[in-house]
Amino acid sequence: MTTHRATDSALAGASWIKSSYSGSGGGSCVEVASMPGGHRAVRDSKNPAAAALIFTAGVWTAFAAAVRDGEFD
C-alpha cells in the first residue's frame, strides 16, 4: 500500500467530508477529501491541523470495497 503525507499546499481548498455515522459528540472520527487523480486525503476530524494521509485511487477503491464487504466488522 502506498500512502503519502500531504503538504499544506496540496490540501489548500480541499473540501472535507465527515461520515454521516459520526456523531456530534466528538469521538473517533475521520474526514476525507477528494484530490486530483482520484486520490483521497484522510485526516483526524478532532485535529484538522495535524498531518493528513493521501491514498492513491487504487488503494482507496480497495479499502472502500473491503468496508462495504464487511471485512473490518
PDB file of N, CA and C in Angstrom:
ATOM      1  N   MET A   1       0.855  -1.166   0.000  1.00  0.00           N
ATOM      2  CA  MET A   1       0.000   0.000   0.000  1.00  0.00           C
ATOM      3  C   MET A   1       0.902   1.231   0.000  1.00  0.00           C
ATOM      4  N   THR A   2       0.546   2.194  -0.808  1.00  0.00           N
ATOM      5  CA  THR A   2       1.305   3.433  -0.876  1.00  0.00           C
ATOM      6  C   THR A   2       0.491   4.561  -0.278  1.00  0.00           C
ATOM      7  N   THR A   3       1.062   5.225   0.704  1.00  0.00           N
ATOM      8  CA  THR A   3       0.451   6.409   1.283  1.00  0.00           C
ATOM      9  C   THR A   3       1.509   7.497   1.326  1.00  0.00           C
ATOM     10  N   HIS A   4       1.069   8.712   1.368  1.00  0.00           N
ATOM     11  CA  HIS A   4       1.970   9.855   1.435  1.00  0.00           C
ATOM     12  C   HIS A   4       1.410  10.848   2.429  1.00  0.00           C
ATOM     13  N   ARG A   5       2.303  11.522   3.145  1.00  0.00           N
ATOM     14  CA  ARG A   5       1.862  12.630   3.991  1.00  0.00           C
ATOM     15  C   ARG A   5       1.607  13.819   3.096  1.00  0.00           C
ATOM     16  N   ALA A   6       0.498  14.446   3.283  1.00  0.00           N
ATOM     17  CA  ALA A   6       0.123  15.592   2.452  1.00  0.00           C
ATOM     18  C   ALA A   6       0.774  16.862   2.959  1.00  0.00           C
ATOM     19  N   THR A   7       1.149  17.720   2.041  1.00  0.00           N
ATOM     20  CA  THR A   7       1.650  19.036   2.412  1.00  0.00           C
ATOM     21  C   THR A   7       0.473  19.995   2.513  1.00  0.00           C
ATOM     22  N   ASP A   8       0.690  21.101   3.213  1.00  0.00           N
ATOM     23  CA  ASP A   8      -0.365  22.101   3.347  1.00  0.00           C
ATOM     24  C   ASP A   8      -0.818  22.608   1.987  1.00  0.00           C
ATOM     25  N   SER A   9       0.124  22.814   1.074  1.00  0.00           N
ATOM     26  CA  SER A   9      -0.250  23.342  -0.239  1.00  0.00           C
ATOM     27  C   SER A   9      -1.076  22.339  -1.035  1.00  0.00           C
ATOM     28  N   ALA A  10      -0.826  21.051  -0.861  1.00  0.00           N
ATOM     29  CA  ALA A  10      -1.588  20.026  -1.577  1.00  0.00           C
ATOM     30  C   ALA A  10      -3.038  19.984  -1.110  1.00  0.00           C
ATOM     31  N   LEU A  11      -3.273  20.431   0.115  1.00  0.00           N
ATOM     32  CA  LEU A  11      -4.623  20.356   0.694  1.00  0.00           C
ATOM     33  C   LEU A  11      -5.355  21.695   0.691  1.00  0.00           C
ATOM     34  N   ALA A  12      -4.711  22.729   0.181  1.00  0.00           N
ATOM     35  CA  ALA A  12      -5.352  24.044   0.145  1.00  0.00           C
ATOM     36  C   ALA A  12      -6.640  23.967  -0.664  1.00  0.00           C
ATOM     37  N   GLY A  13      -7.719  24.387  -0.077  1.00  0.00           N
ATOM     38  CA  GLY A  13      -9.002  24.386  -0.767  1.00  0.00           C
ATOM     39  C   GLY A  13      -9.721  23.044  -0.783  1.00  0.00           C
ATOM     40  N   ALA A  14      -9.181  22.039  -0.086  1.00  0.00           N
ATOM     41  CA  ALA A  14      -9.839  20.728  -0.053  1.00  0.00           C
ATOM     42  C   ALA A  14     -11.180  20.826   0.653  1.00  0.00           C
ATOM     43  N   SER A  15     -12.160  20.100   0.152  1.00  0.00           N
ATOM     44  CA  SER A  15     -13.488  20.034   0.779  1.00  0.00           C
ATOM     45  C   SER A  15     -13.556  18.742   1.585  1.00  0.00           C
ATOM     46  N   TRP A  16     -13.524  18.874   2.876  1.00  0.00           N
ATOM     47  CA  TRP A  16     -13.509  17.709   3.767  1.00  0.00           C
ATOM     48  C   TRP A  16     -14.927  17.252   4.076  1.00  0.00           C
ATOM     49  N   ILE A  17     -15.104  15.939   4.124  1.00  0.00           N
ATOM     50  CA  ILE A  17     -16.411  15.332   4.403  1.00  0.00           C
ATOM     51  C   ILE A  17     -16.245  14.374   5.579  1.00  0.00           C
ATOM     52  N   LYS A  18     -17.140  14.512   6.567  1.00  0.00           N
ATOM     53  CA  LYS A  18     -17.151  13.590   7.700  1.00  0.00           C
ATOM     54  C   LYS A  18     -18.298  12.613   7.505  1.00  0.00           C
ATOM     55  N   SER A  19     -18.089  11.381   7.893  1.00  0.00           N
ATOM     56  CA  SER A  19     -19.094  10.342   7.738  1.00  0.00           C
ATOM     57  C   SER A  19     -20.392  10.715   8.429  1.00  0.00           C
ATOM     58  N   SER A  20     -21.504  10.330   7.812  1.00  0.00           N
ATOM     59  CA  SER A  20     -22.812  10.545   8.441  1.00  0.00           C
ATOM     60  C   SER A  20     -22.964   9.662   9.682  1.00  0.00           C
ATOM     61  N   TYR A  21     -22.101   8.666   9.836  1.00  0.00           N
ATOM     62  CA  TYR A  21     -22.122   7.805  11.016  1.00  0.00           C
ATOM     63  C   TYR A  21     -21.433   8.467  12.209  1.00  0.00           C
ATOM     64  N   SER A  22     -20.728   9.554  11.981  1.00  0.00           N
ATOM     65  CA  SER A  22     -20.057  10.266  13.058  1.00  0.00           C
ATOM     66  C   SER A  22     -21.079  11.082  13.834  1.00  0.00           C
ATOM     67  N   GLY A  23     -21.039  10.954  15.125  1.00  0.00           N
ATOM     68  CA  GLY A  23     -21.957  11.711  15.963  1.00  0.00           C
ATOM     69  C   GLY A  23     -21.446  13.120  16.200  1.00  0.00           C
ATOM     70  N   SER A  24     -22.285  13.953  16.770  1.00  0.00           N
ATOM     71  CA  SER A  24     -21.895  15.334  17.042  1.00  0.00           C
ATOM     72  C   SER A  24     -21.175  15.469  18.375  1.00  0.00           C
ATOM     73  N   GLY A  25     -21.064  14.381  19.128  1.00  0.00           N
ATOM     74  CA  GLY A  25     -20.454  14.438  20.456  1.00  0.00           C
ATOM     75  C   GLY A  25     -18.968  14.181  20.475  1.00  0.00           C
ATOM     76  N   GLY A  26     -18.295  14.291  19.349  1.00  0.00           N
ATOM     77  CA  GLY A  26     -16.851  14.052  19.317  1.00  0.00           C
ATOM     78  C   GLY A  26     -16.571  12.612  18.942  1.00  0.00           C
ATOM     79  N   GLY A  27     -15.699  11.968  19.672  1.00  0.00           N
ATOM     80  CA  GLY A  27     -15.371  10.585  19.391  1.00  0.00           C
ATOM     81  C   GLY A  27     -14.297  10.470  18.329  1.00  0.00           C
ATOM     82  N   SER A  28     -14.083   9.254  17.883  1.00  0.00           N
ATOM     83  CA  SER A  28     -13.038   8.967  16.898  1.00  0.00           C
ATOM     84  C   SER A  28     -13.600   9.098  15.498  1.00  0.00           C
ATOM     85  N   CYS A  29     -13.343  10.215  14.860  1.00  0.00           N
ATOM     86  CA  CYS A  29     -13.871  10.470  13.526  1.00  0.00           C
ATOM     87  C   CYS A  29     -12.751  10.845  12.575  1.00  0.00           C
ATOM     88  N   VAL A  30     -12.935  10.498  11.333  1.00  0.00           N
ATOM     89  CA  VAL A  30     -12.016  10.917  10.289  1.00  0.00           C
ATOM     90  C   VAL A  30     -12.794  11.688   9.240  1.00  0.00           C
ATOM     91  N   GLU A  31     -12.064  12.510   8.491  1.00  0.00           N
ATOM     92  CA  GLU A  31     -12.642  13.249   7.378  1.00  0.00           C
ATOM     93  C   GLU A  31     -11.873  12.882   6.125  1.00  0.00           C
ATOM     94  N   VAL A  32     -12.560  12.902   4.986  1.00  0.00           N
ATOM     95  CA  VAL A  32     -11.970  12.528   3.707  1.00  0.00           C
ATOM     96  C   VAL A  32     -12.193  13.662   2.712  1.00  0.00           C
ATOM     97  N   ALA A  33     -11.186  13.906   1.877  1.00  0.00           N
ATOM     98  CA  ALA A  33     -11.297  14.914   0.819  1.00  0.00           C
ATOM     99  C   ALA A  33     -10.833  14.298  -0.497  1.00  0.00           C
ATOM    100  N   SER A  34     -11.534  14.604  -1.564  1.00  0.00           N
ATOM    101  CA  SER A  34     -11.119  14.165  -2.903  1.00  0.00           C
ATOM    102  C   SER A  34      -9.951  15.022  -3.363  1.00  0.00           C
ATOM    103  N   MET A  35      -8.996  14.369  -4.023  1.00  0.00           N
ATOM    104  CA  MET A  35      -7.804  15.037  -4.523  1.00  0.00           C
ATOM    105  C   MET A  35      -7.686  14.761  -6.024  1.00  0.00           C
ATOM    106  N   PRO A  36      -6.852  15.506  -6.728  1.00  0.00           N
ATOM    107  CA  PRO A  36      -6.659  15.257  -8.160  1.00  0.00           C
ATOM    108  C   PRO A  36      -6.206  13.819  -8.421  1.00  0.00           C
ATOM    109  N   GLY A  37      -6.612  13.297  -9.550  1.00  0.00           N
ATOM    110  CA  GLY A  37      -6.218  11.941  -9.941  1.00  0.00           C
ATOM    111  C   GLY A  37      -6.958  10.835  -9.223  1.00  0.00           C
ATOM    112  N   GLY A  38      -8.042  11.182  -8.527  1.00  0.00           N
ATOM    113  CA  GLY A  38      -8.812  10.168  -7.807  1.00  0.00           C
ATOM    114  C   GLY A  38      -8.249   9.814  -6.446  1.00  0.00           C
ATOM    115  N   HIS A  39      -7.189  10.466  -6.037  1.00  0.00           N
ATOM    116  CA  HIS A  39      -6.612  10.224  -4.721  1.00  0.00           C
ATOM    117  C   HIS A  39      -7.557  10.737  -3.643  1.00  0.00           C
ATOM    118  N   ARG A  40      -7.361  10.249  -2.416  1.00  0.00           N
ATOM    119  CA  ARG A  40      -8.158  10.703  -1.283  1.00  0.00           C
ATOM    120  C   ARG A  40      -7.223  11.090  -0.148  1.00  0.00           C
ATOM    121  N   ALA A  41      -7.529  12.205   0.504  1.00  0.00           N
ATOM    122  CA  ALA A  41      -6.810  12.634   1.694  1.00  0.00           C
ATOM    123  C   ALA A  41      -7.671  12.289   2.900  1.00  0.00           C
ATOM    124  N   VAL A  42      -7.035  11.851   3.978  1.00  0.00           N
ATOM    125  CA  VAL A  42      -7.738  11.460   5.200  1.00  0.00           C
ATOM    126  C   VAL A  42      -7.066  12.161   6.374  1.00  0.00           C
ATOM    127  N   ARG A  43      -7.890  12.727   7.268  1.00  0.00           N
ATOM    128  CA  ARG A  43      -7.347  13.381   8.457  1.00  0.00           C
ATOM    129  C   ARG A  43      -8.234  13.112   9.657  1.00  0.00           C
ATOM    130  N   ASP A  44      -7.704  13.389  10.832  1.00  0.00           N
ATOM    131  CA  ASP A  44      -8.427  13.261  12.091  1.00  0.00           C
ATOM    132  C   ASP A  44      -9.312  14.495  12.264  1.00  0.00           C
ATOM    133  N   SER A  45     -10.607  14.312  12.390  1.00  0.00           N
ATOM    134  CA  SER A  45     -11.520  15.450  12.487  1.00  0.00           C
ATOM    135  C   SER A  45     -11.344  16.234  13.780  1.00  0.00           C
ATOM    136  N   LYS A  46     -10.800  15.603  14.821  1.00  0.00           N
ATOM    137  CA  LYS A  46     -10.587  16.298  16.079  1.00  0.00           C
ATOM    138  C   LYS A  46      -9.328  17.161  16.044  1.00  0.00           C
ATOM    139  N   ASN A  47      -8.450  16.918  15.073  1.00  0.00           N
ATOM    140  CA  ASN A  47      -7.197  17.663  14.967  1.00  0.00           C
ATOM    141  C   ASN A  47      -6.909  17.959  13.490  1.00  0.00           C
ATOM    142  N   PRO A  48      -7.717  18.811  12.870  1.00  0.00           N
ATOM    143  CA  PRO A  48      -7.582  19.045  11.434  1.00  0.00           C
ATOM    144  C   PRO A  48      -6.273  19.710  11.022  1.00  0.00           C
ATOM    145  N   ALA A  49      -5.560  20.324  11.966  1.00  0.00           N
ATOM    146  CA  ALA A  49      -4.282  20.961  11.629  1.00  0.00           C
ATOM    147  C   ALA A  49      -3.140  19.950  11.580  1.00  0.00           C
ATOM    148  N   ALA A  50      -3.367  18.745  12.076  1.00  0.00           N
ATOM    149  CA  ALA A  50      -2.329  17.706  12.057  1.00  0.00           C
ATOM    150  C   ALA A  50      -2.168  17.156  10.638  1.00  0.00           C
ATOM    151  N   ALA A  51      -1.207  16.325  10.466  1.00  0.00           N
ATOM    152  CA  ALA A  51      -0.912  15.746   9.153  1.00  0.00           C
ATOM    153  C   ALA A  51      -2.082  14.933   8.614  1.00  0.00           C
ATOM    154  N   ALA A  52      -2.238  14.974   7.306  1.00  0.00           N
ATOM    155  CA  ALA A  52      -3.226  14.142   6.610  1.00  0.00           C
ATOM    156  C   ALA A  52      -2.463  13.117   5.786  1.00  0.00           C
ATOM    157  N   LEU A  53      -3.106  12.016   5.484  1.00  0.00           N
ATOM    158  CA  LEU A  53      -2.530  10.996   4.614  1.00  0.00           C
ATOM    159  C   LEU A  53      -3.231  11.048   3.270  1.00  0.00           C
ATOM    160  N   ILE A  54      -2.484  10.817   2.204  1.00  0.00           N
ATOM    161  CA  ILE A  54      -3.080  10.743   0.867  1.00  0.00           C
ATOM    162  C   ILE A  54      -2.939   9.314   0.362  1.00  0.00           C
ATOM    163  N   PHE A  55      -4.070   8.744  -0.048  1.00  0.00           N
ATOM    164  CA  PHE A  55      -4.105   7.391  -0.588  1.00  0.00           C
ATOM    165  C   PHE A  55      -4.322   7.452  -2.092  1.00  0.00           C
ATOM    166  N   THR A  56      -3.658   6.581  -2.820  1.00  0.00           N
ATOM    167  CA  THR A  56      -3.848   6.531  -4.262  1.00  0.00           C
ATOM    168  C   THR A  56      -5.276   6.072  -4.565  1.00  0.00           C
ATOM    169  N   ALA A  57      -5.719   6.322  -5.781  1.00  0.00           N
ATOM    170  CA  ALA A  57      -7.077   5.951  -6.186  1.00  0.00           C
ATOM    171  C   ALA A  57      -7.307   4.446  -6.033  1.00  0.00           C
ATOM    172  N   GLY A  58      -6.335   3.646  -6.452  1.00  0.00           N
ATOM    173  CA  GLY A  58      -6.485   2.189  -6.366  1.00  0.00           C
ATOM    174  C   GLY A  58      -6.571   1.687  -4.941  1.00  0.00           C
ATOM    175  N   VAL A  59      -5.740   2.222  -4.071  1.00  0.00           N
ATOM    176  CA  VAL A  59      -5.762   1.819  -2.667  1.00  0.00           C
ATOM    177  C   VAL A  59      -7.081   2.232  -2.024  1.00  0.00           C
ATOM    178  N   TRP A  60      -7.553   3.452  -2.322  1.00  0.00           N
ATOM    179  CA  TRP A  60      -8.817   3.912  -1.752  1.00  0.00           C
ATOM    180  C   TRP A  60      -9.975   3.048  -2.234  1.00  0.00           C
ATOM    181  N   THR A  61      -9.989   2.695  -3.511  1.00  0.00           N
ATOM    182  CA  THR A  61     -11.052   1.846  -4.060  1.00  0.00           C
ATOM    183  C   THR A  61     -11.069   0.490  -3.369  1.00  0.00           C
ATOM    184  N   ALA A  62      -9.894  -0.103  -3.164  1.00  0.00           N
ATOM    185  CA  ALA A  62      -9.810  -1.400  -2.489  1.00  0.00           C
ATOM    186  C   ALA A  62     -10.280  -1.292  -1.038  1.00  0.00           C
ATOM    187  N   PHE A  63      -9.891  -0.218  -0.359  1.00  0.00           N
ATOM    188  CA  PHE A  63     -10.323  -0.010   1.023  1.00  0.00           C
ATOM    189  C   PHE A  63     -11.839   0.129   1.109  1.00  0.00           C
ATOM    190  N   ALA A  64     -12.418   0.967   0.249  1.00  0.00           N
ATOM    191  CA  ALA A  64     -13.870   1.170   0.261  1.00  0.00           C
ATOM    192  C   ALA A  64     -14.621  -0.124  -0.023  1.00  0.00           C
ATOM    193  N   ALA A  65     -14.114  -0.931  -0.946  1.00  0.00           N
ATOM    194  CA  ALA A  65     -14.739  -2.219  -1.247  1.00  0.00           C
ATOM    195  C   ALA A  65     -14.673  -3.149  -0.040  1.00  0.00           C
ATOM    196  N   ALA A  66     -13.542  -3.156   0.659  1.00  0.00           N
ATOM    197  CA  ALA A  66     -13.408  -4.004   1.843  1.00  0.00           C
ATOM    198  C   ALA A  66     -14.374  -3.570   2.948  1.00  0.00           C
ATOM    199  N   VAL A  67     -14.564  -2.269   3.106  1.00  0.00           N
ATOM    200  CA  VAL A  67     -15.523  -1.772   4.100  1.00  0.00           C
ATOM    201  C   VAL A  67     -16.924  -2.220   3.727  1.00  0.00           C
ATOM    202  N   ARG A  68     -17.290  -2.050   2.460  1.00  0.00           N
ATOM    203  CA  ARG A  68     -18.633  -2.461   2.006  1.00  0.00           C
ATOM    204  C   ARG A  68     -18.847  -3.949   2.184  1.00  0.00           C
ATOM    205  N   ASP A  69     -17.781  -4.749   2.014  1.00  0.00           N
ATOM    206  CA  ASP A  69     -17.890  -6.202   2.123  1.00  0.00           C
ATOM    207  C   ASP A  69     -17.833  -6.701   3.573  1.00  0.00           C
ATOM    208  N   GLY A  70     -17.682  -5.778   4.528  1.00  0.00           N
ATOM    209  CA  GLY A  70     -17.686  -6.154   5.940  1.00  0.00           C
ATOM    210  C   GLY A  70     -16.385  -6.745   6.427  1.00  0.00           C
ATOM    211  N   GLU A  71     -15.289  -6.535   5.724  1.00  0.00           N
ATOM    212  CA  GLU A  71     -14.017  -7.136   6.117  1.00  0.00           C
ATOM    213  C   GLU A  71     -13.469  -6.587   7.436  1.00  0.00           C
ATOM    214  N   PHE A  72     -13.972  -5.459   7.902  1.00  0.00           N
ATOM    215  CA  PHE A  72     -13.474  -4.873   9.139  1.00  0.00           C
ATOM    216  C   PHE A  72     -14.474  -4.967  10.283  1.00  0.00           C
ATOM    217  N   ASP A  73     -15.584  -5.658  10.054  1.00  0.00           N
ATOM    218  CA  ASP A  73     -16.607  -5.792  11.089  1.00  0.00           C
ATOM    219  C   ASP A  73     -16.166  -6.755  12.186  1.00  0.00           C
TER     220      ASP A  73
END
